[in-house]
């Protein structure tokens, strides 16, 4: 299949990538004189549901176009050209977070907290405007220079519930929404679920109503993976994996790696609570908690000049760390007192 030379008013240079839902091309806007990325929609869902999916694709893209945030990719245009849906968006220079993880990149606790704080703030902006992502995962977090994240693909993987198979009597429609529409809110095919269930919230895995707190859970999973280098659940097939997502509590990150501060581990576990009402009430609250953590840790490191992990991690035997035993304020006071004592001793030596 040859690449198009033009989509809408945009000139196409080459294909940048291809996925299960379409392709991404390098485009050029001759009117504004800038390069951009053109994402097209292509899904093997049959003629009956194609118009519904395309309509949803455009609606979601236009909703995303209403967002203006430094950590959300900018959408310039969403339209249909010669029967093909497309979205024109900001051209990003970097790579997806999942590629970095696949290459073995391990993020420090501060790096993971900083990146996820920015994503949580971006989600807070989107949620406040009625836009839910529904597909938070490393592949949808694009890392540009200086480890700055950009959130992409808002809601593109989610689609309206397909027409009821029994009413239509159409075999292809039954395949798209089959098993009593078990995956009715996710683009699917008879043989597999598009995307991965690793980052699904428990309510998504059970096909329950999804709200903004589902994004919070998924971001918690991303942060978990960034911190420890592995996903919280593992199973030989999707069915067993989703059962774990629904019913199994993961091992807290700081128990897998003692270098991870327990305070940061608690943020992850709060975001990943099985019950939506026990997670952060909104993404803004999670962002605030991460920001406070970063400020607290950086102040502690400057004042006490000891590893951050020593402040708030559990000992090898499971015993509380310094901050847990004494309380953070007490520990900081001791560190400050020691510094003042050292200054006083130095002054005394000079006077003598």
C-alpha atoms as a PDB file:
ATOM      1  CA  UNK A   1       0.000   0.000   0.000  1.00  0.00           C
ATOM      2  CA  UNK A   2       1.515   3.341  -1.073  1.00  0.00           C
ATOM      3  CA  UNK A   3       1.607   6.291   1.292  1.00  0.00           C
ATOM      4  CA  UNK A   4      -0.660   9.240   0.510  1.00  0.00           C
ATOM      5  CA  UNK A   5       0.978  12.410  -0.790  1.00  0.00           C
ATOM      6  CA  UNK A   6      -1.632  14.717   0.687  1.00  0.00           C
ATOM      7  CA  UNK A   7      -4.222  14.537   3.475  1.00  0.00           C
ATOM      8  CA  UNK A   8      -6.510  17.526   3.648  1.00  0.00           C
ATOM      9  CA  UNK A   9      -4.361  20.580   3.017  1.00  0.00           C
ATOM     10  CA  UNK A  10      -1.294  18.887   4.476  1.00  0.00           C
ATOM     11  CA  UNK A  11       1.572  17.575   2.347  1.00  0.00           C
ATOM     12  CA  UNK A  12       2.774  14.087   3.384  1.00  0.00           C
ATOM     13  CA  UNK A  13       6.503  13.234   3.367  1.00  0.00           C
ATOM     14  CA  UNK A  14       6.682   9.752   4.853  1.00  0.00           C
ATOM     15  CA  UNK A  15       5.174   7.327   7.329  1.00  0.00           C
ATOM     16  CA  UNK A  16       6.442   7.714  10.892  1.00  0.00           C
ATOM     17  CA  UNK A  17       4.718   4.704  12.398  1.00  0.00           C
ATOM     18  CA  UNK A  18       1.834   2.307  12.147  1.00  0.00           C
ATOM     19  CA  UNK A  19      -0.439   0.798  14.763  1.00  0.00           C
ATOM     20  CA  UNK A  20      -3.567  -1.295  15.070  1.00  0.00           C
ATOM     21  CA  UNK A  21      -5.823   1.751  14.670  1.00  0.00           C
ATOM     22  CA  UNK A  22      -4.035   3.593  11.892  1.00  0.00           C
ATOM     23  CA  UNK A  23      -0.826   5.263  10.744  1.00  0.00           C
ATOM     24  CA  UNK A  24       1.105   8.398  11.636  1.00  0.00           C
ATOM     25  CA  UNK A  25       2.721  10.457   8.878  1.00  0.00           C
ATOM     26  CA  UNK A  26       5.166  13.337   8.753  1.00  0.00           C
ATOM     27  CA  UNK A  27       3.218  16.210   7.280  1.00  0.00           C
ATOM     28  CA  UNK A  28       3.745  19.836   6.361  1.00  0.00           C
ATOM     29  CA  UNK A  29       1.273  22.678   6.594  1.00  0.00           C
ATOM     30  CA  UNK A  30       1.886  24.900   3.559  1.00  0.00           C
ATOM     31  CA  UNK A  31      -0.305  27.665   4.986  1.00  0.00           C
ATOM     32  CA  UNK A  32       1.521  28.076   8.316  1.00  0.00           C
ATOM     33  CA  UNK A  33       4.830  26.677   7.080  1.00  0.00           C
ATOM     34  CA  UNK A  34       5.354  24.102   9.825  1.00  0.00           C
ATOM     35  CA  UNK A  35       5.892  20.375  10.069  1.00  0.00           C
ATOM     36  CA  UNK A  36       3.431  18.288  12.037  1.00  0.00           C
ATOM     37  CA  UNK A  37       2.255  14.740  12.602  1.00  0.00           C
ATOM     38  CA  UNK A  38      -0.838  13.419  10.815  1.00  0.00           C
ATOM     39  CA  UNK A  39      -2.604  10.494  12.472  1.00  0.00           C
ATOM     40  CA  UNK A  40      -5.112   8.566  10.394  1.00  0.00           C
ATOM     41  CA  UNK A  41      -7.809   6.186  11.596  1.00  0.00           C
ATOM     42  CA  UNK A  42      -7.996   2.663  10.298  1.00  0.00           C
ATOM     43  CA  UNK A  43      -9.777  -0.090  12.204  1.00  0.00           C
ATOM     44  CA  UNK A  44     -10.928  -3.493  11.026  1.00  0.00           C
ATOM     45  CA  UNK A  45     -14.400  -3.246  12.525  1.00  0.00           C
ATOM     46  CA  UNK A  46     -16.622  -3.764   9.500  1.00  0.00           C
ATOM     47  CA  UNK A  47     -18.852  -1.321   7.683  1.00  0.00           C
ATOM     48  CA  UNK A  48     -21.656  -1.412  10.267  1.00  0.00           C
ATOM     49  CA  UNK A  49     -19.568   0.045  13.094  1.00  0.00           C
ATOM     50  CA  UNK A  50     -16.993   1.968  11.076  1.00  0.00           C
ATOM     51  CA  UNK A  51     -19.031   5.179  10.879  1.00  0.00           C
ATOM     52  CA  UNK A  52     -19.687   5.039  14.617  1.00  0.00           C
ATOM     53  CA  UNK A  53     -15.996   4.563  15.391  1.00  0.00           C
ATOM     54  CA  UNK A  54     -14.931   7.295  12.969  1.00  0.00           C
ATOM     55  CA  UNK A  55     -17.432   9.724  14.428  1.00  0.00           C
ATOM     56  CA  UNK A  56     -16.166   8.971  17.919  1.00  0.00           C
ATOM     57  CA  UNK A  57     -12.560   9.316  16.740  1.00  0.00           C
ATOM     58  CA  UNK A  58     -13.256  12.833  15.452  1.00  0.00           C
ATOM     59  CA  UNK A  59     -15.256  13.819  18.547  1.00  0.00           C
ATOM     60  CA  UNK A  60     -12.479  12.706  20.880  1.00  0.00           C
ATOM     61  CA  UNK A  61      -9.815  14.439  18.791  1.00  0.00           C
ATOM     62  CA  UNK A  62     -11.780  17.679  18.802  1.00  0.00           C
ATOM     63  CA  UNK A  63     -12.283  17.412  22.556  1.00  0.00           C
ATOM     64  CA  UNK A  64      -8.533  16.954  22.920  1.00  0.00           C
ATOM     65  CA  UNK A  65      -8.049  19.964  20.669  1.00  0.00           C
ATOM     66  CA  UNK A  66      -9.764  22.078  23.320  1.00  0.00           C
ATOM     67  CA  UNK A  67      -6.979  21.273  25.803  1.00  0.00           C
ATOM     68  CA  UNK A  68      -4.007  23.586  26.250  1.00  0.00           C
ATOM     69  CA  UNK A  69      -1.372  22.234  28.608  1.00  0.00           C
ATOM     70  CA  UNK A  70       2.438  22.002  28.331  1.00  0.00           C
ATOM     71  CA  UNK A  71       2.319  18.249  28.924  1.00  0.00           C
ATOM     72  CA  UNK A  72      -0.482  17.399  26.487  1.00  0.00           C
ATOM     73  CA  UNK A  73       0.242  17.114  22.780  1.00  0.00           C
ATOM     74  CA  UNK A  74      -1.308  19.990  20.825  1.00  0.00           C
ATOM     75  CA  UNK A  75      -4.051  19.161  18.315  1.00  0.00           C
ATOM     76  CA  UNK A  76      -4.309  21.517  15.337  1.00  0.00           C
ATOM     77  CA  UNK A  77      -7.123  19.969  13.318  1.00  0.00           C
ATOM     78  CA  UNK A  78      -9.429  16.954  13.192  1.00  0.00           C
ATOM     79  CA  UNK A  79     -11.418  16.224  10.055  1.00  0.00           C
ATOM     80  CA  UNK A  80     -12.333  13.737   7.314  1.00  0.00           C
ATOM     81  CA  UNK A  81     -10.756  13.858   3.865  1.00  0.00           C
ATOM     82  CA  UNK A  82     -12.074  11.654   1.068  1.00  0.00           C
ATOM     83  CA  UNK A  83     -13.684   9.315   3.576  1.00  0.00           C
ATOM     84  CA  UNK A  84     -10.565   9.043   5.776  1.00  0.00           C
ATOM     85  CA  UNK A  85     -10.489  10.437   9.297  1.00  0.00           C
ATOM     86  CA  UNK A  86      -7.328  12.185  10.415  1.00  0.00           C
ATOM     87  CA  UNK A  87      -5.900  14.333  13.184  1.00  0.00           C
ATOM     88  CA  UNK A  88      -3.153  16.923  12.650  1.00  0.00           C
ATOM     89  CA  UNK A  89      -1.040  17.366  15.755  1.00  0.00           C
ATOM     90  CA  UNK A  90       2.180  18.712  17.179  1.00  0.00           C
ATOM     91  CA  UNK A  91       5.286  16.934  15.890  1.00  0.00           C
ATOM     92  CA  UNK A  92       7.276  15.612  18.843  1.00  0.00           C
ATOM     93  CA  UNK A  93      10.998  14.857  18.907  1.00  0.00           C
ATOM     94  CA  UNK A  94      11.785  12.012  21.288  1.00  0.00           C
ATOM     95  CA  UNK A  95      10.381   8.582  22.016  1.00  0.00           C
ATOM     96  CA  UNK A  96       7.626   6.871  23.933  1.00  0.00           C
ATOM     97  CA  UNK A  97       8.138   5.999  27.581  1.00  0.00           C
ATOM     98  CA  UNK A  98       7.548   2.304  26.854  1.00  0.00           C
ATOM     99  CA  UNK A  99      10.553   2.259  24.517  1.00  0.00           C
ATOM    100  CA  UNK A 100      12.749   3.713  27.239  1.00  0.00           C
ATOM    101  CA  UNK A 101      11.531   1.065  29.665  1.00  0.00           C
ATOM    102  CA  UNK A 102      12.107  -1.678  27.091  1.00  0.00           C
ATOM    103  CA  UNK A 103      15.661  -0.412  26.660  1.00  0.00           C
ATOM    104  CA  UNK A 104      16.249  -0.945  30.371  1.00  0.00           C
ATOM    105  CA  UNK A 105      15.985   2.658  31.530  1.00  0.00           C
ATOM    106  CA  UNK A 106      15.518   2.791  35.294  1.00  0.00           C
ATOM    107  CA  UNK A 107      14.198   6.020  36.693  1.00  0.00           C
ATOM    108  CA  UNK A 108      15.269   7.336  40.071  1.00  0.00           C
ATOM    109  CA  UNK A 109      12.447   7.950  42.570  1.00  0.00           C
ATOM    110  CA  UNK A 110      12.734  11.693  42.002  1.00  0.00           C
ATOM    111  CA  UNK A 111      12.664  11.283  38.203  1.00  0.00           C
ATOM    112  CA  UNK A 112       9.594   9.043  38.322  1.00  0.00           C
ATOM    113  CA  UNK A 113       7.834  11.368  40.740  1.00  0.00           C
ATOM    114  CA  UNK A 114       8.616  14.426  38.604  1.00  0.00           C
ATOM    115  CA  UNK A 115       7.384  12.847  35.368  1.00  0.00           C
ATOM    116  CA  UNK A 116       4.203  11.475  36.946  1.00  0.00           C
ATOM    117  CA  UNK A 117       3.525  14.775  38.717  1.00  0.00           C
ATOM    118  CA  UNK A 118       3.471  16.494  35.320  1.00  0.00           C
ATOM    119  CA  UNK A 119       1.221  13.799  33.836  1.00  0.00           C
ATOM    120  CA  UNK A 120      -1.141  14.009  36.823  1.00  0.00           C
ATOM    121  CA  UNK A 121      -1.295  17.787  36.372  1.00  0.00           C
ATOM    122  CA  UNK A 122      -2.075  17.281  32.673  1.00  0.00           C
ATOM    123  CA  UNK A 123      -4.848  14.840  33.570  1.00  0.00           C
ATOM    124  CA  UNK A 124      -6.247  17.315  36.081  1.00  0.00           C
ATOM    125  CA  UNK A 125      -6.450  19.893  33.283  1.00  0.00           C
ATOM    126  CA  UNK A 126      -8.181  17.425  30.961  1.00  0.00           C
ATOM    127  CA  UNK A 127     -10.571  16.052  33.576  1.00  0.00           C
ATOM    128  CA  UNK A 128     -11.572  19.579  34.521  1.00  0.00           C
ATOM    129  CA  UNK A 129     -12.753  20.019  30.947  1.00  0.00           C
ATOM    130  CA  UNK A 130     -14.654  16.760  30.823  1.00  0.00           C
ATOM    131  CA  UNK A 131     -12.023  14.787  28.887  1.00  0.00           C
ATOM    132  CA  UNK A 132     -10.985  11.381  30.241  1.00  0.00           C
ATOM    133  CA  UNK A 133      -8.013   9.638  28.672  1.00  0.00           C
ATOM    134  CA  UNK A 134      -9.041   6.005  29.373  1.00  0.00           C
ATOM    135  CA  UNK A 135      -5.801   4.568  28.026  1.00  0.00           C
ATOM    136  CA  UNK A 136      -2.941   5.801  30.217  1.00  0.00           C
ATOM    137  CA  UNK A 137       0.136   3.653  29.593  1.00  0.00           C
ATOM    138  CA  UNK A 138       3.831   4.213  28.754  1.00  0.00           C
ATOM    139  CA  UNK A 139       3.122   3.972  25.017  1.00  0.00           C
ATOM    140  CA  UNK A 140       0.887   7.056  25.335  1.00  0.00           C
ATOM    141  CA  UNK A 141       3.470   9.108  27.240  1.00  0.00           C
ATOM    142  CA  UNK A 142       5.957  10.680  24.835  1.00  0.00           C
ATOM    143  CA  UNK A 143       9.270  11.784  26.318  1.00  0.00           C
ATOM    144  CA  UNK A 144      10.944  14.803  24.755  1.00  0.00           C
ATOM    145  CA  UNK A 145      14.177  16.520  25.770  1.00  0.00           C
ATOM    146  CA  UNK A 146      15.117  16.820  29.466  1.00  0.00           C
ATOM    147  CA  UNK A 147      12.681  14.043  30.403  1.00  0.00           C
ATOM    148  CA  UNK A 148       9.657  16.237  29.755  1.00  0.00           C
ATOM    149  CA  UNK A 149       6.529  14.113  29.174  1.00  0.00           C
ATOM    150  CA  UNK A 150       3.744  14.727  26.685  1.00  0.00           C
ATOM    151  CA  UNK A 151       0.443  12.882  27.012  1.00  0.00           C
ATOM    152  CA  UNK A 152      -0.956  11.672  23.675  1.00  0.00           C
ATOM    153  CA  UNK A 153      -3.963   9.737  22.309  1.00  0.00           C
ATOM    154  CA  UNK A 154      -6.762  10.903  24.574  1.00  0.00           C
ATOM    155  CA  UNK A 155      -9.616   8.432  24.310  1.00  0.00           C
ATOM    156  CA  UNK A 156      -8.655   7.260  20.823  1.00  0.00           C
ATOM    157  CA  UNK A 157      -8.773   3.619  21.922  1.00  0.00           C
ATOM    158  CA  UNK A 158     -12.240   3.993  23.435  1.00  0.00           C
ATOM    159  CA  UNK A 159     -15.340   3.810  21.290  1.00  0.00           C
ATOM    160  CA  UNK A 160     -19.104   3.830  21.703  1.00  0.00           C
ATOM    161  CA  UNK A 161     -20.744   0.545  22.502  1.00  0.00           C
ATOM    162  CA  UNK A 162     -21.232  -1.319  19.210  1.00  0.00           C
ATOM    163  CA  UNK A 163     -24.734  -1.967  17.961  1.00  0.00           C
ATOM    164  CA  UNK A 164     -26.257  -4.943  19.744  1.00  0.00           C
ATOM    165  CA  UNK A 165     -25.328  -8.102  17.902  1.00  0.00           C
ATOM    166  CA  UNK A 166     -28.610  -9.854  18.601  1.00  0.00           C
ATOM    167  CA  UNK A 167     -30.662  -6.989  17.237  1.00  0.00           C
ATOM    168  CA  UNK A 168     -28.627  -6.643  14.057  1.00  0.00           C
ATOM    169  CA  UNK A 169     -28.121 -10.368  13.561  1.00  0.00           C
ATOM    170  CA  UNK A 170     -24.841  -9.522  11.907  1.00  0.00           C
ATOM    171  CA  UNK A 171     -22.048 -12.008  12.591  1.00  0.00           C
ATOM    172  CA  UNK A 172     -19.282  -9.447  12.237  1.00  0.00           C
ATOM    173  CA  UNK A 173     -20.996  -7.113  14.659  1.00  0.00           C
ATOM    174  CA  UNK A 174     -21.306  -9.954  17.143  1.00  0.00           C
ATOM    175  CA  UNK A 175     -17.555 -10.478  16.924  1.00  0.00           C
ATOM    176  CA  UNK A 176     -16.840  -6.801  17.551  1.00  0.00           C
ATOM    177  CA  UNK A 177     -19.082  -6.587  20.583  1.00  0.00           C
ATOM    178  CA  UNK A 178     -19.310 -10.272  21.459  1.00  0.00           C
ATOM    179  CA  UNK A 179     -19.299 -12.189  24.720  1.00  0.00           C
ATOM    180  CA  UNK A 180     -22.207 -10.031  25.876  1.00  0.00           C
ATOM    181  CA  UNK A 181     -20.198  -6.942  24.931  1.00  0.00           C
ATOM    182  CA  UNK A 182     -17.563  -7.791  27.525  1.00  0.00           C
ATOM    183  CA  UNK A 183     -15.164  -5.372  25.817  1.00  0.00           C
ATOM    184  CA  UNK A 184     -17.905  -3.046  24.622  1.00  0.00           C
ATOM    185  CA  UNK A 185     -16.009   0.091  25.602  1.00  0.00           C
ATOM    186  CA  UNK A 186     -12.723  -0.835  23.950  1.00  0.00           C
ATOM    187  CA  UNK A 187     -12.007  -1.286  20.278  1.00  0.00           C
ATOM    188  CA  UNK A 188     -11.636  -5.033  19.879  1.00  0.00           C
ATOM    189  CA  UNK A 189     -11.318  -7.874  17.446  1.00  0.00           C
ATOM    190  CA  UNK A 190     -12.555 -11.452  17.771  1.00  0.00           C
ATOM    191  CA  UNK A 191      -9.087 -12.836  18.509  1.00  0.00           C
ATOM    192  CA  UNK A 192      -7.646 -10.199  20.806  1.00  0.00           C
ATOM    193  CA  UNK A 193      -8.118  -7.026  22.794  1.00  0.00           C
ATOM    194  CA  UNK A 194      -6.511  -4.020  21.156  1.00  0.00           C
ATOM    195  CA  UNK A 195      -3.999  -2.594  23.577  1.00  0.00           C
ATOM    196  CA  UNK A 196      -2.838  -4.218  26.785  1.00  0.00           C
ATOM    197  CA  UNK A 197      -4.884  -4.881  29.935  1.00  0.00           C
ATOM    198  CA  UNK A 198      -1.826  -4.346  32.163  1.00  0.00           C
ATOM    199  CA  UNK A 199      -2.764  -0.724  32.803  1.00  0.00           C
ATOM    200  CA  UNK A 200      -6.526  -1.139  33.004  1.00  0.00           C
ATOM    201  CA  UNK A 201      -8.278  -0.135  36.207  1.00  0.00           C
ATOM    202  CA  UNK A 202     -10.333  -2.821  37.980  1.00  0.00           C
ATOM    203  CA  UNK A 203     -13.539  -1.138  36.841  1.00  0.00           C
ATOM    204  CA  UNK A 204     -12.353  -1.187  33.237  1.00  0.00           C
ATOM    205  CA  UNK A 205     -11.452  -4.859  33.559  1.00  0.00           C
ATOM    206  CA  UNK A 206     -15.004  -5.544  34.780  1.00  0.00           C
ATOM    207  CA  UNK A 207     -16.567  -3.349  32.065  1.00  0.00           C
ATOM    208  CA  UNK A 208     -18.054  -1.041  34.672  1.00  0.00           C
ATOM    209  CA  UNK A 209     -18.633   2.675  34.366  1.00  0.00           C
ATOM    210  CA  UNK A 210     -15.349   4.542  34.064  1.00  0.00           C
ATOM    211  CA  UNK A 211     -14.619   8.048  35.326  1.00  0.00           C
ATOM    212  CA  UNK A 212     -11.536  10.176  35.881  1.00  0.00           C
ATOM    213  CA  UNK A 213     -10.348   7.960  38.747  1.00  0.00           C
ATOM    214  CA  UNK A 214      -9.642   5.195  36.247  1.00  0.00           C
ATOM    215  CA  UNK A 215      -6.915   7.401  34.769  1.00  0.00           C
ATOM    216  CA  UNK A 216      -5.476   7.852  38.263  1.00  0.00           C
ATOM    217  CA  UNK A 217      -5.221   4.078  38.712  1.00  0.00           C
ATOM    218  CA  UNK A 218      -3.531   3.638  35.349  1.00  0.00           C
ATOM    219  CA  UNK A 219      -1.016   6.388  36.126  1.00  0.00           C
ATOM    220  CA  UNK A 220      -0.265   4.564  39.369  1.00  0.00           C
ATOM    221  CA  UNK A 221       0.580   1.441  37.357  1.00  0.00           C
ATOM    222  CA  UNK A 222       2.879   3.465  35.083  1.00  0.00           C
ATOM    223  CA  UNK A 223       4.645   4.913  38.105  1.00  0.00           C
ATOM    224  CA  UNK A 224       4.973   1.459  39.657  1.00  0.00           C
ATOM    225  CA  UNK A 225       6.684   0.185  36.517  1.00  0.00           C
ATOM    226  CA  UNK A 226       8.981   3.204  36.332  1.00  0.00           C
ATOM    227  CA  UNK A 227      10.114   2.689  39.917  1.00  0.00           C
ATOM    228  CA  UNK A 228      10.705  -1.064  40.061  1.00  0.00           C
ATOM    229  CA  UNK A 229      11.174  -1.924  36.388  1.00  0.00           C
ATOM    230  CA  UNK A 230       8.366  -4.498  36.281  1.00  0.00           C
ATOM    231  CA  UNK A 231       4.582  -4.431  36.074  1.00  0.00           C
ATOM    232  CA  UNK A 232       2.573  -5.138  39.230  1.00  0.00           C
ATOM    233  CA  UNK A 233       0.815  -8.209  37.783  1.00  0.00           C
ATOM    234  CA  UNK A 234       1.947 -11.108  35.615  1.00  0.00           C
ATOM    235  CA  UNK A 235      -0.102 -13.936  34.126  1.00  0.00           C
ATOM    236  CA  UNK A 236       0.155 -16.308  31.138  1.00  0.00           C
ATOM    237  CA  UNK A 237      -2.970 -14.878  29.478  1.00  0.00           C
ATOM    238  CA  UNK A 238      -5.220 -11.843  29.516  1.00  0.00           C
ATOM    239  CA  UNK A 239      -8.038 -13.557  31.380  1.00  0.00           C
ATOM    240  CA  UNK A 240      -5.863 -14.436  34.360  1.00  0.00           C
ATOM    241  CA  UNK A 241      -4.163 -11.061  34.214  1.00  0.00           C
ATOM    242  CA  UNK A 242      -7.484  -9.228  34.432  1.00  0.00           C
ATOM    243  CA  UNK A 243      -8.461 -11.407  37.376  1.00  0.00           C
ATOM    244  CA  UNK A 244      -5.344 -10.186  39.171  1.00  0.00           C
ATOM    245  CA  UNK A 245      -6.099  -6.583  38.236  1.00  0.00           C
ATOM    246  CA  UNK A 246      -9.559  -6.989  39.744  1.00  0.00           C
ATOM    247  CA  UNK A 247      -8.740  -8.929  42.904  1.00  0.00           C
ATOM    248  CA  UNK A 248      -5.024  -9.011  43.758  1.00  0.00           C
ATOM    249  CA  UNK A 249      -3.155  -6.354  45.738  1.00  0.00           C
ATOM    250  CA  UNK A 250       0.336  -5.731  44.322  1.00  0.00           C
ATOM    251  CA  UNK A 251       3.489  -5.765  46.428  1.00  0.00           C
ATOM    252  CA  UNK A 252       4.294  -2.146  47.382  1.00  0.00           C
ATOM    253  CA  UNK A 253       7.257  -0.772  45.403  1.00  0.00           C
ATOM    254  CA  UNK A 254       9.404  -0.053  48.475  1.00  0.00           C
ATOM    255  CA  UNK A 255       9.196  -3.709  49.510  1.00  0.00           C
ATOM    256  CA  UNK A 256      10.590  -4.754  46.133  1.00  0.00           C
ATOM    257  CA  UNK A 257      13.323  -2.115  46.216  1.00  0.00           C
ATOM    258  CA  UNK A 258      14.357  -0.631  49.586  1.00  0.00           C
ATOM    259  CA  UNK A 259      15.877   2.370  47.778  1.00  0.00           C
ATOM    260  CA  UNK A 260      12.348   3.582  46.960  1.00  0.00           C
ATOM    261  CA  UNK A 261      11.051   5.905  49.691  1.00  0.00           C
ATOM    262  CA  UNK A 262       8.016   4.545  51.480  1.00  0.00           C
ATOM    263  CA  UNK A 263       6.299   7.937  51.074  1.00  0.00           C
ATOM    264  CA  UNK A 264       6.498   7.605  47.285  1.00  0.00           C
ATOM    265  CA  UNK A 265       5.390   3.989  47.467  1.00  0.00           C
ATOM    266  CA  UNK A 266       2.300   5.099  49.405  1.00  0.00           C
ATOM    267  CA  UNK A 267       1.394   7.533  46.638  1.00  0.00           C
ATOM    268  CA  UNK A 268       1.551   4.708  44.093  1.00  0.00           C
ATOM    269  CA  UNK A 269      -0.528   2.375  46.242  1.00  0.00           C
ATOM    270  CA  UNK A 270      -3.144   5.064  46.907  1.00  0.00           C
ATOM    271  CA  UNK A 271      -3.508   5.668  43.169  1.00  0.00           C
ATOM    272  CA  UNK A 272      -3.783   1.909  42.565  1.00  0.00           C
ATOM    273  CA  UNK A 273      -6.403   1.177  45.201  1.00  0.00           C
ATOM    274  CA  UNK A 274      -8.958  -1.328  43.895  1.00  0.00           C
ATOM    275  CA  UNK A 275     -11.807   0.889  45.068  1.00  0.00           C
ATOM    276  CA  UNK A 276     -12.142   4.173  43.158  1.00  0.00           C
ATOM    277  CA  UNK A 277     -13.474   5.946  46.262  1.00  0.00           C
ATOM    278  CA  UNK A 278     -10.243   5.132  48.119  1.00  0.00           C
ATOM    279  CA  UNK A 279      -7.946   6.515  45.445  1.00  0.00           C
ATOM    280  CA  UNK A 280      -7.085  10.164  45.113  1.00  0.00           C
ATOM    281  CA  UNK A 281     -10.363  12.038  44.622  1.00  0.00           C
ATOM    282  CA  UNK A 282      -8.958  13.671  41.505  1.00  0.00           C
ATOM    283  CA  UNK A 283      -5.739  13.910  39.507  1.00  0.00           C
ATOM    284  CA  UNK A 284      -5.031  17.322  40.991  1.00  0.00           C
ATOM    285  CA  UNK A 285      -4.791  15.785  44.462  1.00  0.00           C
ATOM    286  CA  UNK A 286      -2.315  13.195  43.199  1.00  0.00           C
ATOM    287  CA  UNK A 287      -0.269  15.900  41.465  1.00  0.00           C
ATOM    288  CA  UNK A 288      -0.203  17.933  44.687  1.00  0.00           C
ATOM    289  CA  UNK A 289       0.938  14.928  46.719  1.00  0.00           C
ATOM    290  CA  UNK A 290       3.757  14.236  44.242  1.00  0.00           C
ATOM    291  CA  UNK A 291       4.816  17.882  44.244  1.00  0.00           C
ATOM    292  CA  UNK A 292       4.892  17.950  48.039  1.00  0.00           C
ATOM    293  CA  UNK A 293       6.941  14.763  48.054  1.00  0.00           C
ATOM    294  CA  UNK A 294       9.501  16.271  45.655  1.00  0.00           C
ATOM    295  CA  UNK A 295       9.797  19.486  47.677  1.00  0.00           C
ATOM    296  CA  UNK A 296      10.096  17.573  50.956  1.00  0.00           C
ATOM    297  CA  UNK A 297      12.761  15.221  49.665  1.00  0.00           C
ATOM    298  CA  UNK A 298      14.836  17.932  48.043  1.00  0.00           C
ATOM    299  CA  UNK A 299      14.790  20.024  51.209  1.00  0.00           C
ATOM    300  CA  UNK A 300      15.779  17.001  53.244  1.00  0.00           C
ATOM    301  CA  UNK A 301      18.657  16.219  50.920  1.00  0.00           C
ATOM    302  CA  UNK A 302      19.962  19.781  51.052  1.00  0.00           C
ATOM    303  CA  UNK A 303      19.735  20.123  54.818  1.00  0.00           C
ATOM    304  CA  UNK A 304      20.874  16.714  55.991  1.00  0.00           C
ATOM    305  CA  UNK A 305      23.096  15.753  53.070  1.00  0.00           C
ATOM    306  CA  UNK A 306      22.143  12.098  53.370  1.00  0.00           C
ATOM    307  CA  UNK A 307      20.505   9.813  50.778  1.00  0.00           C
ATOM    308  CA  UNK A 308      16.797  10.485  50.404  1.00  0.00           C
ATOM    309  CA  UNK A 309      16.123   6.750  50.709  1.00  0.00           C
ATOM    310  CA  UNK A 310      17.555   6.766  54.227  1.00  0.00           C
ATOM    311  CA  UNK A 311      14.895   9.237  55.284  1.00  0.00           C
ATOM    312  CA  UNK A 312      11.847   7.266  54.403  1.00  0.00           C
ATOM    313  CA  UNK A 313      12.569   3.678  53.430  1.00  0.00           C
ATOM    314  CA  UNK A 314      12.156   0.637  55.579  1.00  0.00           C
ATOM    315  CA  UNK A 315      15.217  -1.258  56.749  1.00  0.00           C
ATOM    316  CA  UNK A 316      16.191  -4.597  55.270  1.00  0.00           C
ATOM    317  CA  UNK A 317      14.460  -6.360  58.165  1.00  0.00           C
ATOM    318  CA  UNK A 318      11.281  -4.342  57.656  1.00  0.00           C
ATOM    319  CA  UNK A 319      12.088  -1.894  60.475  1.00  0.00           C
ATOM    320  CA  UNK A 320      11.006   1.728  59.952  1.00  0.00           C
ATOM    321  CA  UNK A 321      13.465   4.208  58.484  1.00  0.00           C
ATOM    322  CA  UNK A 322      14.704   7.331  60.206  1.00  0.00           C
ATOM    323  CA  UNK A 323      11.743   9.503  59.233  1.00  0.00           C
ATOM    324  CA  UNK A 324       9.284   6.799  60.243  1.00  0.00           C
ATOM    325  CA  UNK A 325      10.905   6.279  63.674  1.00  0.00           C
ATOM    326  CA  UNK A 326      11.445   9.897  64.632  1.00  0.00           C
ATOM    327  CA  UNK A 327       9.015  11.762  62.443  1.00  0.00           C
ATOM    328  CA  UNK A 328      10.131  13.845  59.546  1.00  0.00           C
ATOM    329  CA  UNK A 329      10.223  17.157  61.421  1.00  0.00           C
ATOM    330  CA  UNK A 330      12.239  15.672  64.248  1.00  0.00           C
ATOM    331  CA  UNK A 331      14.724  14.135  61.819  1.00  0.00           C
ATOM    332  CA  UNK A 332      15.122  17.415  59.988  1.00  0.00           C
ATOM    333  CA  UNK A 333      15.567  19.300  63.282  1.00  0.00           C
ATOM    334  CA  UNK A 334      18.338  16.930  64.326  1.00  0.00           C
ATOM    335  CA  UNK A 335      20.088  17.403  61.010  1.00  0.00           C
ATOM    336  CA  UNK A 336      19.824  21.191  61.268  1.00  0.00           C
ATOM    337  CA  UNK A 337      21.029  21.129  64.856  1.00  0.00           C
ATOM    338  CA  UNK A 338      24.075  19.094  63.874  1.00  0.00           C
ATOM    339  CA  UNK A 339      24.893  21.602  61.137  1.00  0.00           C
ATOM    340  CA  UNK A 340      24.641  24.553  63.561  1.00  0.00           C
ATOM    341  CA  UNK A 341      26.828  22.727  66.089  1.00  0.00           C
ATOM    342  CA  UNK A 342      29.489  22.202  63.429  1.00  0.00           C
ATOM    343  CA  UNK A 343      29.439  25.927  62.579  1.00  0.00           C
ATOM    344  CA  UNK A 344      29.775  26.862  66.265  1.00  0.00           C
ATOM    345  CA  UNK A 345      32.722  24.521  66.749  1.00  0.00           C
ATOM    346  CA  UNK A 346      34.459  25.956  63.694  1.00  0.00           C
ATOM    347  CA  UNK A 347      33.946  29.514  64.976  1.00  0.00           C
ATOM    348  CA  UNK A 348      35.372  28.575  68.382  1.00  0.00           C
ATOM    349  CA  UNK A 349      38.461  27.072  66.761  1.00  0.00           C
ATOM    350  CA  UNK A 350      39.056  30.265  64.753  1.00  0.00           C
ATOM    351  CA  UNK A 351      38.742  32.502  67.850  1.00  0.00           C
ATOM    352  CA  UNK A 352      41.301  30.414  69.697  1.00  0.00           C
END
